[in-house]
N, C-alpha and C. Protein backbone atom coordinates (compact mmCIF):
# COMPACT_ATOMS: atom_id res chain seq x y z
N MET A 1 93.18 94.98 89.81
CA MET A 1 94.50 95.57 89.84
C MET A 1 94.75 96.16 91.23
N ASN A 2 95.90 95.89 91.79
CA ASN A 2 96.29 96.40 93.10
C ASN A 2 96.40 97.92 93.06
N GLU A 3 95.87 98.58 94.07
CA GLU A 3 95.90 100.05 94.10
C GLU A 3 97.33 100.59 94.16
N ASN A 4 98.28 99.80 94.60
CA ASN A 4 99.68 100.21 94.67
C ASN A 4 100.53 99.51 93.62
N SER A 5 99.95 99.11 92.51
CA SER A 5 100.71 98.41 91.48
C SER A 5 101.75 99.31 90.84
N TRP A 6 101.65 100.60 91.02
CA TRP A 6 102.63 101.56 90.51
C TRP A 6 103.93 101.52 91.31
N LEU A 7 103.88 100.99 92.54
CA LEU A 7 105.03 101.02 93.44
C LEU A 7 106.09 100.03 92.94
N ASP A 8 107.18 100.56 92.43
CA ASP A 8 108.25 99.75 91.86
C ASP A 8 109.10 99.17 92.98
N THR A 9 108.87 97.92 93.29
CA THR A 9 109.58 97.28 94.40
C THR A 9 111.04 96.98 94.06
N SER A 10 111.41 97.05 92.80
CA SER A 10 112.82 96.83 92.43
C SER A 10 113.72 97.94 92.95
N LEU A 11 113.15 99.04 93.40
CA LEU A 11 113.94 100.14 93.95
C LEU A 11 114.39 99.88 95.38
N TYR A 12 114.08 98.71 95.91
CA TYR A 12 114.42 98.35 97.29
C TYR A 12 115.30 97.10 97.33
N PRO A 13 116.48 97.13 96.68
CA PRO A 13 117.32 95.93 96.69
C PRO A 13 117.98 95.68 98.05
N ASP A 14 117.99 96.69 98.90
CA ASP A 14 118.68 96.61 100.19
C ASP A 14 117.77 96.25 101.36
N THR A 15 116.49 96.17 101.11
CA THR A 15 115.52 95.94 102.19
C THR A 15 114.24 95.35 101.61
N ASN A 16 113.39 94.85 102.46
CA ASN A 16 112.09 94.38 101.99
C ASN A 16 111.28 95.57 101.50
N PRO A 17 110.72 95.49 100.31
CA PRO A 17 109.95 96.62 99.81
C PRO A 17 108.65 96.81 100.59
N PRO A 18 108.24 98.05 100.74
CA PRO A 18 106.98 98.30 101.44
C PRO A 18 105.79 97.93 100.55
N GLU A 19 104.68 97.67 101.18
CA GLU A 19 103.45 97.40 100.43
C GLU A 19 102.75 98.69 100.05
N ARG A 20 102.97 99.71 100.86
CA ARG A 20 102.40 101.03 100.59
C ARG A 20 103.29 102.07 101.25
N LEU A 21 103.18 103.30 100.80
CA LEU A 21 103.98 104.40 101.35
C LEU A 21 103.02 105.32 102.09
N GLU A 22 103.03 105.24 103.40
CA GLU A 22 102.02 105.93 104.20
C GLU A 22 102.51 107.25 104.80
N THR A 23 103.81 107.38 105.01
CA THR A 23 104.31 108.60 105.66
C THR A 23 105.09 109.44 104.66
N LEU A 24 105.26 110.71 105.00
CA LEU A 24 106.06 111.60 104.17
C LEU A 24 107.49 111.06 104.05
N ALA A 25 108.04 110.56 105.14
CA ALA A 25 109.40 110.01 105.11
C ALA A 25 109.51 108.84 104.14
N GLU A 26 108.52 107.96 104.10
CA GLU A 26 108.53 106.83 103.17
C GLU A 26 108.42 107.32 101.72
N GLN A 27 107.62 108.34 101.50
CA GLN A 27 107.48 108.90 100.16
C GLN A 27 108.77 109.59 99.71
N VAL A 28 109.41 110.32 100.61
CA VAL A 28 110.67 110.97 100.28
C VAL A 28 111.73 109.93 99.94
N ASP A 29 111.79 108.86 100.72
CA ASP A 29 112.73 107.78 100.44
C ASP A 29 112.46 107.19 99.06
N PHE A 30 111.19 107.00 98.72
CA PHE A 30 110.84 106.46 97.41
C PHE A 30 111.29 107.41 96.30
N ILE A 31 111.05 108.70 96.46
CA ILE A 31 111.46 109.69 95.46
C ILE A 31 112.98 109.64 95.27
N ALA A 32 113.72 109.57 96.38
CA ALA A 32 115.17 109.52 96.29
C ALA A 32 115.63 108.25 95.56
N ARG A 33 115.01 107.13 95.85
CA ARG A 33 115.36 105.87 95.18
C ARG A 33 115.01 105.93 93.70
N LEU A 34 113.83 106.45 93.39
CA LEU A 34 113.37 106.56 92.01
C LEU A 34 114.31 107.44 91.20
N CYS A 35 114.62 108.62 91.72
CA CYS A 35 115.47 109.56 91.00
C CYS A 35 116.89 109.02 90.84
N SER A 36 117.40 108.39 91.86
CA SER A 36 118.76 107.83 91.78
C SER A 36 118.85 106.75 90.70
N ALA A 37 117.87 105.88 90.66
CA ALA A 37 117.85 104.83 89.63
C ALA A 37 117.71 105.46 88.24
N TRP A 38 116.82 106.43 88.13
CA TRP A 38 116.57 107.09 86.86
C TRP A 38 117.84 107.78 86.36
N ASP A 39 118.57 108.43 87.26
CA ASP A 39 119.82 109.09 86.88
C ASP A 39 120.86 108.12 86.36
N PHE A 40 120.79 106.86 86.78
CA PHE A 40 121.71 105.84 86.31
C PHE A 40 121.16 105.09 85.10
N GLY A 41 120.07 105.59 84.51
CA GLY A 41 119.55 105.02 83.28
C GLY A 41 118.51 103.95 83.46
N ILE A 42 118.05 103.71 84.69
CA ILE A 42 116.99 102.73 84.92
C ILE A 42 115.66 103.49 84.88
N LEU A 43 114.99 103.41 83.76
CA LEU A 43 113.77 104.19 83.56
C LEU A 43 112.63 103.65 84.40
N PRO A 44 111.86 104.56 84.98
CA PRO A 44 110.72 104.12 85.80
C PRO A 44 109.58 103.61 84.93
N HIS A 45 108.75 102.79 85.53
CA HIS A 45 107.55 102.31 84.85
C HIS A 45 106.60 103.49 84.63
N LEU A 46 105.84 103.42 83.54
CA LEU A 46 104.89 104.49 83.22
C LEU A 46 103.91 104.72 84.37
N GLU A 47 103.44 103.64 85.00
CA GLU A 47 102.49 103.77 86.11
C GLU A 47 103.13 104.52 87.29
N THR A 48 104.41 104.29 87.51
CA THR A 48 105.12 104.96 88.59
C THR A 48 105.22 106.46 88.30
N VAL A 49 105.57 106.79 87.07
CA VAL A 49 105.67 108.20 86.68
C VAL A 49 104.31 108.89 86.83
N ARG A 50 103.27 108.22 86.36
CA ARG A 50 101.93 108.81 86.49
C ARG A 50 101.58 109.08 87.95
N GLU A 51 101.92 108.14 88.82
CA GLU A 51 101.62 108.30 90.24
C GLU A 51 102.39 109.46 90.86
N VAL A 52 103.70 109.50 90.68
CA VAL A 52 104.49 110.54 91.35
C VAL A 52 104.28 111.92 90.75
N ARG A 53 103.60 112.01 89.62
CA ARG A 53 103.26 113.31 89.05
C ARG A 53 101.96 113.87 89.61
N THR A 54 101.23 113.08 90.38
CA THR A 54 99.98 113.58 90.94
C THR A 54 100.26 114.60 92.05
N PRO A 55 99.33 115.52 92.27
CA PRO A 55 99.53 116.55 93.30
C PRO A 55 99.79 116.00 94.70
N ALA A 56 99.32 114.80 94.98
CA ALA A 56 99.53 114.22 96.31
C ALA A 56 101.02 114.05 96.63
N TRP A 57 101.86 113.99 95.60
CA TRP A 57 103.29 113.78 95.80
C TRP A 57 104.08 115.08 95.92
N THR A 58 103.46 116.21 95.73
CA THR A 58 104.18 117.49 95.80
C THR A 58 104.93 117.68 97.12
N PRO A 59 104.32 117.42 98.28
CA PRO A 59 105.08 117.60 99.53
C PRO A 59 106.33 116.72 99.61
N ALA A 60 106.25 115.50 99.11
CA ALA A 60 107.41 114.61 99.14
C ALA A 60 108.50 115.08 98.18
N VAL A 61 108.11 115.55 97.01
CA VAL A 61 109.08 116.07 96.06
C VAL A 61 109.76 117.30 96.64
N GLU A 62 109.00 118.18 97.23
CA GLU A 62 109.56 119.39 97.85
C GLU A 62 110.52 119.03 98.98
N ALA A 63 110.18 118.04 99.78
CA ALA A 63 110.99 117.68 100.94
C ALA A 63 112.24 116.89 100.58
N CYS A 64 112.27 116.24 99.45
CA CYS A 64 113.37 115.35 99.10
C CYS A 64 114.71 116.08 98.96
N ARG A 65 114.74 117.12 98.20
CA ARG A 65 115.93 117.97 98.02
C ARG A 65 117.16 117.20 97.54
N LEU A 66 116.98 116.35 96.56
CA LEU A 66 118.08 115.60 95.97
C LEU A 66 118.70 116.46 94.86
N LEU A 67 119.43 117.49 95.26
CA LEU A 67 119.89 118.54 94.36
C LEU A 67 120.94 118.09 93.35
N THR A 68 121.51 116.92 93.51
CA THR A 68 122.50 116.40 92.56
C THR A 68 121.86 115.56 91.46
N SER A 69 120.54 115.42 91.49
CA SER A 69 119.83 114.53 90.57
C SER A 69 119.09 115.29 89.47
N PRO A 70 119.44 115.05 88.20
CA PRO A 70 118.66 115.65 87.12
C PRO A 70 117.19 115.21 87.14
N ALA A 71 116.94 113.95 87.49
CA ALA A 71 115.56 113.45 87.54
C ALA A 71 114.77 114.18 88.62
N TYR A 72 115.40 114.47 89.74
CA TYR A 72 114.72 115.21 90.81
C TYR A 72 114.31 116.60 90.33
N HIS A 73 115.18 117.26 89.61
CA HIS A 73 114.84 118.60 89.11
C HIS A 73 113.69 118.53 88.10
N LEU A 74 113.62 117.46 87.34
CA LEU A 74 112.49 117.27 86.43
C LEU A 74 111.20 117.10 87.23
N LEU A 75 111.24 116.30 88.29
CA LEU A 75 110.05 116.13 89.13
C LEU A 75 109.60 117.46 89.72
N ARG A 76 110.55 118.27 90.16
CA ARG A 76 110.19 119.60 90.68
C ARG A 76 109.46 120.41 89.62
N ARG A 77 109.98 120.38 88.41
CA ARG A 77 109.34 121.13 87.32
C ARG A 77 107.93 120.62 87.07
N TRP A 78 107.78 119.28 87.02
CA TRP A 78 106.45 118.70 86.79
C TRP A 78 105.46 119.12 87.87
N HIS A 79 105.93 119.32 89.09
CA HIS A 79 105.05 119.70 90.19
C HIS A 79 104.89 121.21 90.32
N GLY A 80 105.49 121.96 89.43
CA GLY A 80 105.36 123.41 89.47
C GLY A 80 106.08 124.05 90.65
N LEU A 81 107.08 123.35 91.19
CA LEU A 81 107.84 123.89 92.31
C LEU A 81 108.93 124.81 91.79
N PRO A 82 109.32 125.81 92.58
CA PRO A 82 110.37 126.72 92.11
C PRO A 82 111.68 125.97 91.92
N PRO A 83 112.45 126.37 90.91
CA PRO A 83 113.72 125.69 90.69
C PRO A 83 114.69 125.91 91.84
N LEU A 84 115.52 124.91 92.06
CA LEU A 84 116.60 124.98 93.05
C LEU A 84 117.92 124.80 92.32
N PRO A 85 119.03 125.18 92.93
CA PRO A 85 120.31 125.02 92.24
C PRO A 85 120.65 123.55 92.00
N TYR A 86 121.12 123.27 90.81
CA TYR A 86 121.58 121.92 90.47
C TYR A 86 123.01 121.78 90.97
N LEU A 87 123.26 120.80 91.82
CA LEU A 87 124.58 120.61 92.41
C LEU A 87 125.29 119.38 91.87
N GLY A 88 124.77 118.83 90.78
CA GLY A 88 125.37 117.64 90.21
C GLY A 88 126.50 117.96 89.25
N LYS A 89 127.06 116.92 88.71
CA LYS A 89 128.18 117.04 87.79
C LYS A 89 127.70 117.58 86.45
N THR A 90 128.44 118.54 85.93
CA THR A 90 128.18 119.06 84.60
C THR A 90 129.22 118.47 83.66
N ILE A 91 128.77 117.85 82.62
CA ILE A 91 129.68 117.20 81.67
C ILE A 91 130.20 118.25 80.69
N PRO A 92 131.50 118.52 80.71
CA PRO A 92 132.06 119.60 79.88
C PRO A 92 131.78 119.43 78.39
N GLU A 93 131.76 118.19 77.90
CA GLU A 93 131.57 117.96 76.47
C GLU A 93 130.20 118.41 75.98
N ILE A 94 129.21 118.45 76.88
CA ILE A 94 127.87 118.84 76.42
C ILE A 94 127.44 120.19 76.96
N GLN A 95 128.23 120.79 77.82
CA GLN A 95 127.83 122.04 78.46
C GLN A 95 127.49 123.13 77.45
N ASN A 96 128.25 123.21 76.36
CA ASN A 96 128.02 124.26 75.37
C ASN A 96 127.30 123.74 74.12
N ASP A 97 126.73 122.57 74.20
CA ASP A 97 126.02 121.98 73.07
C ASP A 97 124.72 122.75 72.85
N PRO A 98 124.52 123.32 71.65
CA PRO A 98 123.31 124.11 71.38
C PRO A 98 122.02 123.28 71.43
N CYS A 99 122.14 121.97 71.31
CA CYS A 99 120.96 121.11 71.34
C CYS A 99 120.57 120.69 72.75
N LEU A 100 121.40 121.04 73.75
CA LEU A 100 121.14 120.62 75.13
C LEU A 100 119.79 121.10 75.64
N GLU A 101 119.37 122.28 75.23
CA GLU A 101 118.07 122.82 75.66
C GLU A 101 116.91 121.97 75.19
N GLN A 102 117.11 121.20 74.14
CA GLN A 102 116.03 120.41 73.54
C GLN A 102 115.95 119.00 74.12
N VAL A 103 116.86 118.66 75.00
CA VAL A 103 116.89 117.33 75.58
C VAL A 103 115.96 117.26 76.76
């Protein structure tokens, strides 16, 4: 099994996908692509989730600052990073839903 088999190359429709992510900038770009796709309902592969939840990804998650992304805020929580303000759209129909906390 390839050591980078977790790297979802489908997140790179605009460019040739990298074979590995070696720099912080490449990792931040991957986090932004992953979260953006996830926010649009494209669920990540389990292997990808397992990889980005490892402590090695904490600096990239911290640096990304994709404050409009619900998926990004979840990644911050998984990494034990302090919460940041959510700047995304709040859907009025669910804002006062008592079950929202359980989602």
